[in-house]
Structures are given as structure tokens and as C-alpha cells.
């Protein structure tokens, strides 16, 4: 049996099936491509909740889901760095460092608007 993705058509060894239309695919990549090509503007049922994939014109946040693209950056004041307060490590009396790498450090911070915890990266 061959993959149902029109651009692929490889032989299926391990099956990946679409829960929306029961088509079979040869890889997770083909399944993801199928979902975003065939079910883009339809409701997707993930088992626990149903959500709609947003169209480009309705995106209001720089944080987007897989398969969506921003045509331009939309500034959201909620994510402005001035709305974050760093969590201080009681042992060292410094900002709580949760990771570091080649491109910067990641600190634990709290949004002062709603007290949600975020990871903030310093580059």
C-alpha cells in the first residue's frame, strides 16, 4: 500500500493514520503535511478538546501553532519585558537561572499582570 500524500506515494511500512479522514501515511511528516493541507480551516478534534486552526489574518500573537505563519510581527503589550519580574533564588540572592547555552541564558520570571510563570531568555 502507498502513502496517501500526493507528493509522496512511498510504500507504507509503518502506518500513520489521519483521525479526521482515515487516510494512511508512511511517516509522521506526511501525516502533518496532510493535516495542514486538507484540514487547515476545519475544526480539528484532538480527543480532549476541539479547536480551529487560525487563518493568517486572525493571528494576534507572536506565539503561533504549527503550520501557521505570520506575515508581520504583531506587538502584544502582555509580553513586553517591562511586565516581567524575575524570580530571585533565595540561596544565591540572584535571578533564578534555569538554563544557559551558546546563545544566552534562560531565567525564571513572573508576569506582573496575571502572576503566570515564564522562561525569559537573555541573548
PDB file of N, CA and C in Angstrom:
ATOM      1  N   UNK A   1       0.844  -1.171   0.000  1.00  0.00           N
ATOM      2  CA  UNK A   1       0.000   0.000   0.000  1.00  0.00           C
ATOM      3  C   UNK A   1       0.898   1.246   0.000  1.00  0.00           C
ATOM      4  N   UNK A   2       0.504   2.295  -0.734  1.00  0.00           N
ATOM      5  CA  UNK A   2       1.293   3.513  -0.842  1.00  0.00           C
ATOM      6  C   UNK A   2       0.722   4.632   0.019  1.00  0.00           C
ATOM      7  N   UNK A   3       1.589   5.566   0.368  1.00  0.00           N
ATOM      8  CA  UNK A   3       1.223   6.742   1.154  1.00  0.00           C
ATOM      9  C   UNK A   3       0.157   7.554   0.406  1.00  0.00           C
ATOM     10  N   UNK A   4      -0.834   8.078   1.133  1.00  0.00           N
ATOM     11  CA  UNK A   4      -1.923   8.837   0.521  1.00  0.00           C
ATOM     12  C   UNK A   4      -1.574  10.298   0.236  1.00  0.00           C
ATOM     13  N   UNK A   5      -0.400  10.766   0.677  1.00  0.00           N
ATOM     14  CA  UNK A   5       0.014  12.131   0.366  1.00  0.00           C
ATOM     15  C   UNK A   5       0.434  12.180  -1.096  1.00  0.00           C
ATOM     16  N   UNK A   6      -0.195  13.044  -1.863  1.00  0.00           N
ATOM     17  CA  UNK A   6       0.026  13.055  -3.314  1.00  0.00           C
ATOM     18  C   UNK A   6       1.476  13.328  -3.702  1.00  0.00           C
ATOM     19  N   UNK A   7       2.206  14.090  -2.898  1.00  0.00           N
ATOM     20  CA  UNK A   7       3.604  14.406  -3.222  1.00  0.00           C
ATOM     21  C   UNK A   7       4.559  13.281  -2.833  1.00  0.00           C
ATOM     22  N   UNK A   8       4.108  12.332  -2.034  1.00  0.00           N
ATOM     23  CA  UNK A   8       4.995  11.286  -1.526  1.00  0.00           C
ATOM     24  C   UNK A   8       4.816   9.961  -2.271  1.00  0.00           C
ATOM     25  N   UNK A   9       3.730   9.272  -2.020  1.00  0.00           N
ATOM     26  CA  UNK A   9       3.382   7.984  -2.637  1.00  0.00           C
ATOM     27  C   UNK A   9       4.385   6.861  -2.337  1.00  0.00           C
ATOM     28  N   UNK A  10       5.171   6.976  -1.234  1.00  0.00           N
ATOM     29  CA  UNK A  10       6.094   5.908  -0.836  1.00  0.00           C
ATOM     30  C   UNK A  10       5.322   4.696  -0.333  1.00  0.00           C
ATOM     31  N   UNK A  11       5.982   3.567  -0.299  1.00  0.00           N
ATOM     32  CA  UNK A  11       5.406   2.349   0.238  1.00  0.00           C
ATOM     33  C   UNK A  11       5.254   2.508   1.750  1.00  0.00           C
ATOM     34  N   UNK A  12       4.085   2.136   2.296  1.00  0.00           N
ATOM     35  CA  UNK A  12       3.840   2.263   3.731  1.00  0.00           C
ATOM     36  C   UNK A  12       4.365   1.020   4.442  1.00  0.00           C
ATOM     37  N   UNK A  13       5.324   1.238   5.360  1.00  0.00           N
ATOM     38  CA  UNK A  13       5.851   0.158   6.189  1.00  0.00           C
ATOM     39  C   UNK A  13       5.239   0.267   7.590  1.00  0.00           C
ATOM     40  N   UNK A  14       5.332   1.457   8.183  1.00  0.00           N
ATOM     41  CA  UNK A  14       4.663   1.765   9.443  1.00  0.00           C
ATOM     42  C   UNK A  14       3.550   2.748   9.129  1.00  0.00           C
ATOM     43  N   UNK A  15       2.337   2.475   9.585  1.00  0.00           N
ATOM     44  CA  UNK A  15       1.204   3.319   9.210  1.00  0.00           C
ATOM     45  C   UNK A  15       0.969   4.448  10.210  1.00  0.00           C
ATOM     46  N   UNK A  16       0.660   5.592   9.674  1.00  0.00           N
ATOM     47  CA  UNK A  16       0.231   6.767  10.431  1.00  0.00           C
ATOM     48  C   UNK A  16      -1.099   7.174   9.815  1.00  0.00           C
ATOM     49  N   UNK A  17      -2.188   7.116  10.604  1.00  0.00           N
ATOM     50  CA  UNK A  17      -3.485   7.421  10.000  1.00  0.00           C
ATOM     51  C   UNK A  17      -4.057   8.733  10.529  1.00  0.00           C
ATOM     52  N   UNK A  18      -4.785   9.425   9.664  1.00  0.00           N
ATOM     53  CA  UNK A  18      -5.438  10.682   9.993  1.00  0.00           C
ATOM     54  C   UNK A  18      -6.739  10.363  10.720  1.00  0.00           C
ATOM     55  N   UNK A  19      -6.940  10.973  11.882  1.00  0.00           N
ATOM     56  CA  UNK A  19      -8.155  10.737  12.657  1.00  0.00           C
ATOM     57  C   UNK A  19      -9.377  11.408  12.044  1.00  0.00           C
ATOM     58  N   UNK A  20      -9.158  12.361  11.147  1.00  0.00           N
ATOM     59  CA  UNK A  20     -10.276  13.074  10.531  1.00  0.00           C
ATOM     60  C   UNK A  20     -10.840  12.348   9.317  1.00  0.00           C
ATOM     61  N   UNK A  21      -9.975  11.738   8.502  1.00  0.00           N
ATOM     62  CA  UNK A  21     -10.458  11.147   7.248  1.00  0.00           C
ATOM     63  C   UNK A  21      -9.996   9.700   7.034  1.00  0.00           C
ATOM     64  N   UNK A  22      -9.270   9.144   7.982  1.00  0.00           N
ATOM     65  CA  UNK A  22      -8.808   7.752   7.938  1.00  0.00           C
ATOM     66  C   UNK A  22      -7.864   7.434   6.785  1.00  0.00           C
ATOM     67  N   UNK A  23      -7.207   8.431   6.204  1.00  0.00           N
ATOM     68  CA  UNK A  23      -6.179   8.169   5.196  1.00  0.00           C
ATOM     69  C   UNK A  23      -4.931   7.640   5.888  1.00  0.00           C
ATOM     70  N   UNK A  24      -4.141   6.833   5.185  1.00  0.00           N
ATOM     71  CA  UNK A  24      -2.915   6.256   5.734  1.00  0.00           C
ATOM     72  C   UNK A  24      -1.694   6.915   5.112  1.00  0.00           C
ATOM     73  N   UNK A  25      -0.642   7.098   5.947  1.00  0.00           N
ATOM     74  CA  UNK A  25       0.571   7.772   5.509  1.00  0.00           C
ATOM     75  C   UNK A  25       1.795   6.992   5.954  1.00  0.00           C
ATOM     76  N   UNK A  26       2.912   7.221   5.251  1.00  0.00           N
ATOM     77  CA  UNK A  26       4.132   6.458   5.513  1.00  0.00           C
ATOM     78  C   UNK A  26       4.970   7.028   6.654  1.00  0.00           C
ATOM     79  N   UNK A  27       4.737   8.283   7.028  1.00  0.00           N
ATOM     80  CA  UNK A  27       5.530   8.902   8.096  1.00  0.00           C
ATOM     81  C   UNK A  27       4.708   9.966   8.807  1.00  0.00           C
ATOM     82  N   UNK A  28       5.197  10.358   9.980  1.00  0.00           N
ATOM     83  CA  UNK A  28       4.552  11.422  10.736  1.00  0.00           C
ATOM     84  C   UNK A  28       4.615  12.736   9.954  1.00  0.00           C
ATOM     85  N   UNK A  29       5.691  12.958   9.214  1.00  0.00           N
ATOM     86  CA  UNK A  29       5.843  14.170   8.403  1.00  0.00           C
ATOM     87  C   UNK A  29       4.757  14.240   7.331  1.00  0.00           C
ATOM     88  N   UNK A  30       4.495  13.131   6.667  1.00  0.00           N
ATOM     89  CA  UNK A  30       3.430  13.106   5.652  1.00  0.00           C
ATOM     90  C   UNK A  30       2.067  13.349   6.288  1.00  0.00           C
ATOM     91  N   UNK A  31       1.835  12.773   7.458  1.00  0.00           N
ATOM     92  CA  UNK A  31       0.564  12.984   8.162  1.00  0.00           C
ATOM     93  C   UNK A  31       0.377  14.457   8.522  1.00  0.00           C
ATOM     94  N   UNK A  32       1.419  15.089   9.058  1.00  0.00           N
ATOM     95  CA  UNK A  32       1.348  16.515   9.425  1.00  0.00           C
ATOM     96  C   UNK A  32       1.093  17.365   8.187  1.00  0.00           C
ATOM     97  N   UNK A  33       1.801  17.083   7.097  1.00  0.00           N
ATOM     98  CA  UNK A  33       1.571  17.833   5.854  1.00  0.00           C
ATOM     99  C   UNK A  33       0.130  17.678   5.381  1.00  0.00           C
ATOM    100  N   UNK A  34      -0.398  16.461   5.457  1.00  0.00           N
ATOM    101  CA  UNK A  34      -1.787  16.211   5.055  1.00  0.00           C
ATOM    102  C   UNK A  34      -2.768  17.024   5.906  1.00  0.00           C
ATOM    103  N   UNK A  35      -2.576  17.015   7.213  1.00  0.00           N
ATOM    104  CA  UNK A  35      -3.494  17.719   8.113  1.00  0.00           C
ATOM    105  C   UNK A  35      -3.525  19.202   7.792  1.00  0.00           C
ATOM    106  N   UNK A  36      -2.369  19.813   7.562  1.00  0.00           N
ATOM    107  CA  UNK A  36      -2.342  21.242   7.306  1.00  0.00           C
ATOM    108  C   UNK A  36      -2.718  21.607   5.874  1.00  0.00           C
ATOM    109  N   UNK A  37      -2.689  20.650   4.964  1.00  0.00           N
ATOM    110  CA  UNK A  37      -3.161  20.908   3.599  1.00  0.00           C
ATOM    111  C   UNK A  37      -4.658  20.662   3.476  1.00  0.00           C
ATOM    112  N   UNK A  38      -5.146  19.592   4.082  1.00  0.00           N
ATOM    113  CA  UNK A  38      -6.531  19.177   3.875  1.00  0.00           C
ATOM    114  C   UNK A  38      -7.508  19.676   4.925  1.00  0.00           C
ATOM    115  N   UNK A  39      -7.036  19.900   6.132  1.00  0.00           N
ATOM    116  CA  UNK A  39      -7.940  20.259   7.225  1.00  0.00           C
ATOM    117  C   UNK A  39      -7.617  21.636   7.807  1.00  0.00           C
ATOM    118  N   UNK A  40      -6.919  22.489   7.076  1.00  0.00           N
ATOM    119  CA  UNK A  40      -6.416  23.777   7.573  1.00  0.00           C
ATOM    120  C   UNK A  40      -7.495  24.662   8.189  1.00  0.00           C
ATOM    121  N   UNK A  41      -8.617  24.854   7.513  1.00  0.00           N
ATOM    122  CA  UNK A  41      -9.625  25.785   8.017  1.00  0.00           C
ATOM    123  C   UNK A  41     -10.797  25.071   8.675  1.00  0.00           C
ATOM    124  N   UNK A  42     -10.638  23.776   8.939  1.00  0.00           N
ATOM    125  CA  UNK A  42     -11.701  22.996   9.559  1.00  0.00           C
ATOM    126  C   UNK A  42     -11.406  22.804  11.039  1.00  0.00           C
ATOM    127  N   UNK A  43     -12.387  22.373  11.794  1.00  0.00           N
ATOM    128  CA  UNK A  43     -12.175  22.065  13.201  1.00  0.00           C
ATOM    129  C   UNK A  43     -11.396  20.767  13.320  1.00  0.00           C
ATOM    130  N   UNK A  44     -10.421  20.743  14.218  1.00  0.00           N
ATOM    131  CA  UNK A  44      -9.612  19.564  14.461  1.00  0.00           C
ATOM    132  C   UNK A  44      -9.989  19.030  15.842  1.00  0.00           C
ATOM    133  N   UNK A  45     -10.304  17.754  15.947  1.00  0.00           N
ATOM    134  CA  UNK A  45     -10.673  17.147  17.218  1.00  0.00           C
ATOM    135  C   UNK A  45      -9.466  16.398  17.748  1.00  0.00           C
ATOM    136  N   UNK A  46      -8.889  16.872  18.851  1.00  0.00           N
ATOM    137  CA  UNK A  46      -7.694  16.245  19.408  1.00  0.00           C
ATOM    138  C   UNK A  46      -8.036  15.235  20.499  1.00  0.00           C
ATOM    139  N   UNK A  47      -9.299  14.880  20.655  1.00  0.00           N
ATOM    140  CA  UNK A  47      -9.692  13.915  21.661  1.00  0.00           C
ATOM    141  C   UNK A  47     -10.246  14.584  22.907  1.00  0.00           C
ATOM    142  N   UNK A  48      -9.483  15.520  23.489  1.00  0.00           N
ATOM    143  CA  UNK A  48      -9.918  16.193  24.710  1.00  0.00           C
ATOM    144  C   UNK A  48     -10.598  17.526  24.424  1.00  0.00           C
ATOM    145  N   UNK A  49     -10.162  18.209  23.359  1.00  0.00           N
ATOM    146  CA  UNK A  49     -10.782  19.493  23.033  1.00  0.00           C
ATOM    147  C   UNK A  49     -10.826  19.656  21.525  1.00  0.00           C
ATOM    148  N   UNK A  50     -11.711  20.486  21.072  1.00  0.00           N
ATOM    149  CA  UNK A  50     -11.822  20.788  19.658  1.00  0.00           C
ATOM    150  C   UNK A  50     -11.408  22.233  19.461  1.00  0.00           C
ATOM    151  N   UNK A  51     -10.551  22.478  18.478  1.00  0.00           N
ATOM    152  CA  UNK A  51     -10.119  23.844  18.207  1.00  0.00           C
ATOM    153  C   UNK A  51     -10.049  24.053  16.713  1.00  0.00           C
ATOM    154  N   UNK A  52     -10.072  25.299  16.327  1.00  0.00           N
ATOM    155  CA  UNK A  52      -9.976  25.629  14.908  1.00  0.00           C
ATOM    156  C   UNK A  52      -8.584  26.153  14.623  1.00  0.00           C
ATOM    157  N   UNK A  53      -8.010  25.703  13.519  1.00  0.00           N
ATOM    158  CA  UNK A  53      -6.741  26.266  13.090  1.00  0.00           C
ATOM    159  C   UNK A  53      -7.014  27.678  12.601  1.00  0.00           C
ATOM    160  N   UNK A  54      -6.250  28.630  13.096  1.00  0.00           N
ATOM    161  CA  UNK A  54      -6.499  30.027  12.782  1.00  0.00           C
ATOM    162  C   UNK A  54      -6.011  30.372  11.388  1.00  0.00           C
ATOM    163  N   UNK A  55      -6.711  31.268  10.731  1.00  0.00           N
ATOM    164  CA  UNK A  55      -6.243  31.792   9.460  1.00  0.00           C
ATOM    165  C   UNK A  55      -5.246  32.901   9.751  1.00  0.00           C
ATOM    166  N   UNK A  56      -4.397  33.196   8.810  1.00  0.00           N
ATOM    167  CA  UNK A  56      -3.335  34.172   8.981  1.00  0.00           C
ATOM    168  C   UNK A  56      -3.844  35.527   9.460  1.00  0.00           C
ATOM    169  N   UNK A  57      -4.974  35.994   8.936  1.00  0.00           N
ATOM    170  CA  UNK A  57      -5.465  37.324   9.267  1.00  0.00           C
ATOM    171  C   UNK A  57      -5.995  37.428  10.690  1.00  0.00           C
ATOM    172  N   UNK A  58      -6.261  36.302  11.371  1.00  0.00           N
ATOM    173  CA  UNK A  58      -6.817  36.351  12.718  1.00  0.00           C
ATOM    174  C   UNK A  58      -5.767  36.227  13.811  1.00  0.00           C
ATOM    175  N   UNK A  59      -4.506  35.992  13.467  1.00  0.00           N
ATOM    176  CA  UNK A  59      -3.467  35.805  14.474  1.00  0.00           C
ATOM    177  C   UNK A  59      -3.128  37.150  15.108  1.00  0.00           C
ATOM    178  N   UNK A  60      -3.188  37.205  16.441  1.00  0.00           N
ATOM    179  CA  UNK A  60      -2.921  38.434  17.170  1.00  0.00           C
ATOM    180  C   UNK A  60      -1.695  38.323  18.072  1.00  0.00           C
ATOM    181  N   UNK A  61      -1.027  37.179  18.064  1.00  0.00           N
ATOM    182  CA  UNK A  61       0.098  36.943  18.960  1.00  0.00           C
ATOM    183  C   UNK A  61       1.298  36.422  18.187  1.00  0.00           C
ATOM    184  N   UNK A  62       2.520  36.733  18.665  1.00  0.00           N
ATOM    185  CA  UNK A  62       3.694  36.160  18.013  1.00  0.00           C
ATOM    186  C   UNK A  62       3.846  34.673  18.289  1.00  0.00           C
ATOM    187  N   UNK A  63       3.063  34.114  19.216  1.00  0.00           N
ATOM    188  CA  UNK A  63       3.119  32.701  19.537  1.00  0.00           C
ATOM    189  C   UNK A  63       2.066  31.992  18.706  1.00  0.00           C
ATOM    190  N   UNK A  64       2.514  31.167  17.767  1.00  0.00           N
ATOM    191  CA  UNK A  64       1.609  30.546  16.808  1.00  0.00           C
ATOM    192  C   UNK A  64       1.733  29.040  16.865  1.00  0.00           C
ATOM    193  N   UNK A  65       0.761  28.352  16.289  1.00  0.00           N
ATOM    194  CA  UNK A  65       0.765  26.901  16.266  1.00  0.00           C
ATOM    195  C   UNK A  65       1.459  26.398  15.003  1.00  0.00           C
ATOM    196  N   UNK A  66       1.827  25.134  15.015  1.00  0.00           N
ATOM    197  CA  UNK A  66       2.492  24.528  13.876  1.00  0.00           C
ATOM    198  C   UNK A  66       1.622  24.650  12.638  1.00  0.00           C
ATOM    199  N   UNK A  67       2.243  25.020  11.526  1.00  0.00           N
ATOM    200  CA  UNK A  67       1.516  25.148  10.271  1.00  0.00           C
ATOM    201  C   UNK A  67       1.002  26.545  10.006  1.00  0.00           C
ATOM    202  N   UNK A  68       1.165  27.456  10.964  1.00  0.00           N
ATOM    203  CA  UNK A  68       0.721  28.833  10.779  1.00  0.00           C
ATOM    204  C   UNK A  68       1.942  29.718  10.579  1.00  0.00           C
ATOM    205  N   UNK A  69       1.756  30.812   9.871  1.00  0.00           N
ATOM    206  CA  UNK A  69       2.857  31.719   9.596  1.00  0.00           C
ATOM    207  C   UNK A  69       2.396  33.154   9.795  1.00  0.00           C
ATOM    208  N   UNK A  70       3.278  33.987  10.298  1.00  0.00           N
ATOM    209  CA  UNK A  70       2.964  35.399  10.463  1.00  0.00           C
ATOM    210  C   UNK A  70       3.486  36.168   9.262  1.00  0.00           C
ATOM    211  N   UNK A  71       2.664  37.065   8.721  1.00  0.00           N
ATOM    212  CA  UNK A  71       3.130  37.909   7.629  1.00  0.00           C
ATOM    213  C   UNK A  71       3.887  39.105   8.184  1.00  0.00           C
ATOM    214  N   UNK A  72       3.596  39.466   9.428  1.00  0.00           N
ATOM    215  CA  UNK A  72       4.311  40.554  10.089  1.00  0.00           C
ATOM    216  C   UNK A  72       4.242  40.325  11.589  1.00  0.00           C
ATOM    217  N   UNK A  73       5.171  40.914  12.328  1.00  0.00           N
ATOM    218  CA  UNK A  73       5.181  40.795  13.777  1.00  0.00           C
ATOM    219  C   UNK A  73       4.108  41.699  14.362  1.00  0.00           C
ATOM    220  N   UNK A  74       3.299  41.147  15.271  1.00  0.00           N
ATOM    221  CA  UNK A  74       2.259  41.914  15.942  1.00  0.00           C
ATOM    222  C   UNK A  74       2.676  42.057  17.395  1.00  0.00           C
ATOM    223  N   UNK A  75       2.907  43.292  17.834  1.00  0.00           N
ATOM    224  CA  UNK A  75       3.363  43.546  19.194  1.00  0.00           C
ATOM    225  C   UNK A  75       2.204  43.385  20.173  1.00  0.00           C
ATOM    226  N   UNK A  76       2.387  42.543  21.176  1.00  0.00           N
ATOM    227  CA  UNK A  76       1.392  42.341  22.222  1.00  0.00           C
ATOM    228  C   UNK A  76       1.975  42.863  23.527  1.00  0.00           C
ATOM    229  N   UNK A  77       1.398  43.908  24.115  1.00  0.00           N
ATOM    230  CA  UNK A  77       1.957  44.509  25.331  1.00  0.00           C
ATOM    231  C   UNK A  77       2.045  43.540  26.517  1.00  0.00           C
ATOM    232  N   UNK A  78       1.245  42.485  26.503  1.00  0.00           N
ATOM    233  CA  UNK A  78       1.286  41.492  27.581  1.00  0.00           C
ATOM    234  C   UNK A  78       2.685  40.888  27.702  1.00  0.00           C
ATOM    235  N   UNK A  79       3.364  40.685  26.567  1.00  0.00           N
ATOM    236  CA  UNK A  79       4.673  40.042  26.560  1.00  0.00           C
ATOM    237  C   UNK A  79       5.829  41.037  26.601  1.00  0.00           C
ATOM    238  N   UNK A  80       5.553  42.296  26.840  1.00  0.00           N
ATOM    239  CA  UNK A  80       6.613  43.297  26.945  1.00  0.00           C
ATOM    240  C   UNK A  80       7.495  42.984  28.150  1.00  0.00           C
ATOM    241  N   UNK A  81       8.798  43.135  28.008  1.00  0.00           N
ATOM    242  CA  UNK A  81       9.729  42.753  29.078  1.00  0.00           C
ATOM    243  C   UNK A  81       9.504  43.544  30.362  1.00  0.00           C
ATOM    244  N   UNK A  82       8.916  44.732  30.267  1.00  0.00           N
ATOM    245  CA  UNK A  82       8.676  45.532  31.479  1.00  0.00           C
ATOM    246  C   UNK A  82       7.574  44.936  32.357  1.00  0.00           C
ATOM    247  N   UNK A  83       6.790  43.993  31.820  1.00  0.00           N
ATOM    248  CA  UNK A  83       5.720  43.353  32.591  1.00  0.00           C
ATOM    249  C   UNK A  83       6.179  42.086  33.306  1.00  0.00           C
ATOM    250  N   UNK A  84       7.496  41.827  33.295  1.00  0.00           N
ATOM    251  CA  UNK A  84       8.017  40.634  33.948  1.00  0.00           C
ATOM    252  C   UNK A  84       8.908  41.004  35.116  1.00  0.00           C
ATOM    253  N   UNK A  85       8.766  40.204  36.160  1.00  0.00           N
ATOM    254  CA  UNK A  85       9.572  40.367  37.364  1.00  0.00           C
ATOM    255  C   UNK A  85      10.345  39.066  37.550  1.00  0.00           C
ATOM    256  N   UNK A  86      11.664  39.156  37.646  1.00  0.00           N
ATOM    257  CA  UNK A  86      12.482  37.952  37.773  1.00  0.00           C
ATOM    258  C   UNK A  86      12.302  37.328  39.145  1.00  0.00           C
ATOM    259  N   UNK A  87      12.280  36.009  39.175  1.00  0.00           N
ATOM    260  CA  UNK A  87      12.196  35.280  40.438  1.00  0.00           C
ATOM    261  C   UNK A  87      13.610  35.154  40.980  1.00  0.00           C
ATOM    262  N   UNK A  88      13.782  35.512  42.235  1.00  0.00           N
ATOM    263  CA  UNK A  88      15.099  35.529  42.867  1.00  0.00           C
ATOM    264  C   UNK A  88      15.334  34.215  43.594  1.00  0.00           C
ATOM    265  N   UNK A  89      16.513  33.623  43.346  1.00  0.00           N
ATOM    266  CA  UNK A  89      16.918  32.398  44.034  1.00  0.00           C
ATOM    267  C   UNK A  89      17.316  32.777  45.458  1.00  0.00           C
ATOM    268  N   UNK A  90      16.657  32.152  46.454  1.00  0.00           N
ATOM    269  CA  UNK A  90      16.909  32.523  47.858  1.00  0.00           C
ATOM    270  C   UNK A  90      18.315  32.149  48.331  1.00  0.00           C
ATOM    271  N   UNK A  91      18.922  31.135  47.712  1.00  0.00           N
ATOM    272  CA  UNK A  91      20.266  30.716  48.136  1.00  0.00           C
ATOM    273  C   UNK A  91      21.341  31.684  47.661  1.00  0.00           C
ATOM    274  N   UNK A  92      21.234  32.128  46.401  1.00  0.00           N
ATOM    275  CA  UNK A  92      22.275  32.978  45.820  1.00  0.00           C
ATOM    276  C   UNK A  92      21.893  34.455  45.797  1.00  0.00           C
ATOM    277  N   UNK A  93      20.636  34.758  46.054  1.00  0.00           N
ATOM    278  CA  UNK A  93      20.111  36.131  46.015  1.00  0.00           C
ATOM    279  C   UNK A  93      20.287  36.769  44.629  1.00  0.00           C
ATOM    280  N   UNK A  94      20.269  35.922  43.580  1.00  0.00           N
ATOM    281  CA  UNK A  94      20.362  36.378  42.194  1.00  0.00           C
ATOM    282  C   UNK A  94      19.150  35.867  41.427  1.00  0.00           C
ATOM    283  N   UNK A  95      19.018  36.304  40.177  1.00  0.00           N
ATOM    284  CA  UNK A  95      17.937  35.808  39.321  1.00  0.00           C
ATOM    285  C   UNK A  95      18.032  34.296  39.202  1.00  0.00           C
ATOM    286  N   UNK A  96      16.873  33.616  39.223  1.00  0.00           N
ATOM    287  CA  UNK A  96      16.829  32.153  39.139  1.00  0.00           C
ATOM    288  C   UNK A  96      17.172  31.714  37.714  1.00  0.00           C
ATOM    289  N   UNK A  97      18.376  31.174  37.531  1.00  0.00           N
ATOM    290  CA  UNK A  97      18.851  30.698  36.237  1.00  0.00           C
ATOM    291  C   UNK A  97      18.361  29.265  36.034  1.00  0.00           C
ATOM    292  N   UNK A  98      17.648  29.021  34.907  1.00  0.00           N
ATOM    293  CA  UNK A  98      17.173  27.665  34.647  1.00  0.00           C
ATOM    294  C   UNK A  98      17.872  27.017  33.464  1.00  0.00           C
ATOM    295  N   UNK A  99      18.727  27.772  32.759  1.00  0.00           N
ATOM    296  CA  UNK A  99      19.467  27.190  31.649  1.00  0.00           C
ATOM    297  C   UNK A  99      20.397  28.201  31.012  1.00  0.00           C
ATOM    298  N   UNK A 100      21.442  27.684  30.377  1.00  0.00           N
ATOM    299  CA  UNK A 100      22.393  28.542  29.679  1.00  0.00           C
ATOM    300  C   UNK A 100      22.968  27.762  28.509  1.00  0.00           C
ATOM    301  N   UNK A 101      23.287  28.495  27.468  1.00  0.00           N
ATOM    302  CA  UNK A 101      23.852  27.855  26.287  1.00  0.00           C
ATOM    303  C   UNK A 101      24.640  28.842  25.475  1.00  0.00           C
ATOM    304  N   UNK A 102      24.930  28.476  24.248  1.00  0.00           N
ATOM    305  CA  UNK A 102      25.731  29.299  23.362  1.00  0.00           C
ATOM    306  C   UNK A 102      25.064  30.632  23.055  1.00  0.00           C
ATOM    307  N   UNK A 103      23.739  30.623  22.930  1.00  0.00           N
ATOM    308  CA  UNK A 103      23.024  31.835  22.528  1.00  0.00           C
ATOM    309  C   UNK A 103      22.462  32.646  23.673  1.00  0.00           C
ATOM    310  N   UNK A 104      22.732  32.293  24.916  1.00  0.00           N
ATOM    311  CA  UNK A 104      22.259  33.100  26.030  1.00  0.00           C
ATOM    312  C   UNK A 104      21.871  32.291  27.244  1.00  0.00           C
ATOM    313  N   UNK A 105      21.249  33.000  28.196  1.00  0.00           N
ATOM    314  CA  UNK A 105      20.814  32.394  29.447  1.00  0.00           C
ATOM    315  C   UNK A 105      19.294  32.483  29.545  1.00  0.00           C
ATOM    316  N   UNK A 106      18.690  31.521  30.269  1.00  0.00           N
ATOM    317  CA  UNK A 106      17.243  31.500  30.458  1.00  0.00           C
ATOM    318  C   UNK A 106      16.956  31.621  31.947  1.00  0.00           C
ATOM    319  N   UNK A 107      16.115  32.610  32.288  1.00  0.00           N
ATOM    320  CA  UNK A 107      15.774  32.880  33.674  1.00  0.00           C
ATOM    321  C   UNK A 107      14.289  32.640  33.905  1.00  0.00           C
ATOM    322  N   UNK A 108      13.935  32.360  35.161  1.00  0.00           N
ATOM    323  CA  UNK A 108      12.545  32.199  35.560  1.00  0.00           C
ATOM    324  C   UNK A 108      11.993  33.576  35.908  1.00  0.00           C
ATOM    325  N   UNK A 109      10.796  33.894  35.378  1.00  0.00           N
ATOM    326  CA  UNK A 109      10.192  35.205  35.634  1.00  0.00           C
ATOM    327  C   UNK A 109       8.691  35.061  35.794  1.00  0.00           C
ATOM    328  N   UNK A 110       8.093  36.053  36.439  1.00  0.00           N
ATOM    329  CA  UNK A 110       6.652  36.075  36.672  1.00  0.00           C
ATOM    330  C   UNK A 110       6.072  37.296  35.976  1.00  0.00           C
ATOM    331  N   UNK A 111       4.975  37.098  35.250  1.00  0.00           N
ATOM    332  CA  UNK A 111       4.293  38.223  34.624  1.00  0.00           C
ATOM    333  C   UNK A 111       3.512  38.952  35.709  1.00  0.00           C
ATOM    334  N   UNK A 112       3.741  40.255  35.858  1.00  0.00           N
ATOM    335  CA  UNK A 112       3.106  41.022  36.929  1.00  0.00           C
ATOM    336  C   UNK A 112       1.626  41.269  36.674  1.00  0.00           C
ATOM    337  N   UNK A 113       1.151  41.048  35.451  1.00  0.00           N
ATOM    338  CA  UNK A 113      -0.257  41.265  35.133  1.00  0.00           C
ATOM    339  C   UNK A 113      -1.123  40.152  35.714  1.00  0.00           C
ATOM    340  N   UNK A 114      -0.728  38.889  35.511  1.00  0.00           N
ATOM    341  CA  UNK A 114      -1.554  37.772  35.979  1.00  0.00           C
ATOM    342  C   UNK A 114      -0.785  36.735  36.810  1.00  0.00           C
ATOM    343  N   UNK A 115       0.464  37.020  37.161  1.00  0.00           N
ATOM    344  CA  UNK A 115       1.304  36.154  38.002  1.00  0.00           C
ATOM    345  C   UNK A 115       1.621  34.791  37.395  1.00  0.00           C
ATOM    346  N   UNK A 116       1.534  34.645  36.078  1.00  0.00           N
ATOM    347  CA  UNK A 116       1.924  33.392  35.423  1.00  0.00           C
ATOM    348  C   UNK A 116       3.445  33.350  35.316  1.00  0.00           C
ATOM    349  N   UNK A 117       3.995  32.125  35.397  1.00  0.00           N
ATOM    350  CA  UNK A 117       5.438  31.924  35.354  1.00  0.00           C
ATOM    351  C   UNK A 117       5.873  31.678  33.903  1.00  0.00           C
ATOM    352  N   UNK A 118       6.978  32.321  33.502  1.00  0.00           N
ATOM    353  CA  UNK A 118       7.529  32.201  32.156  1.00  0.00           C
ATOM    354  C   UNK A 118       9.030  31.970  32.242  1.00  0.00           C
ATOM    355  N   UNK A 119       9.577  31.424  31.163  1.00  0.00           N
ATOM    356  CA  UNK A 119      11.021  31.364  30.976  1.00  0.00           C
ATOM    357  C   UNK A 119      11.396  32.530  30.072  1.00  0.00           C
ATOM    358  N   UNK A 120      12.367  33.336  30.507  1.00  0.00           N
ATOM    359  CA  UNK A 120      12.780  34.510  29.738  1.00  0.00           C
ATOM    360  C   UNK A 120      14.232  34.319  29.322  1.00  0.00           C
ATOM    361  N   UNK A 121      14.472  34.413  28.030  1.00  0.00           N
ATOM    362  CA  UNK A 121      15.821  34.193  27.505  1.00  0.00           C
ATOM    363  C   UNK A 121      16.524  35.524  27.277  1.00  0.00           C
ATOM    364  N   UNK A 122      17.745  35.628  27.762  1.00  0.00           N
ATOM    365  CA  UNK A 122      18.611  36.777  27.517  1.00  0.00           C
ATOM    366  C   UNK A 122      19.634  36.383  26.468  1.00  0.00           C
ATOM    367  N   UNK A 123      19.662  37.080  25.345  1.00  0.00           N
ATOM    368  CA  UNK A 123      20.598  36.766  24.273  1.00  0.00           C
ATOM    369  C   UNK A 123      21.739  37.756  24.324  1.00  0.00           C
TER     370      UNK A 123
END
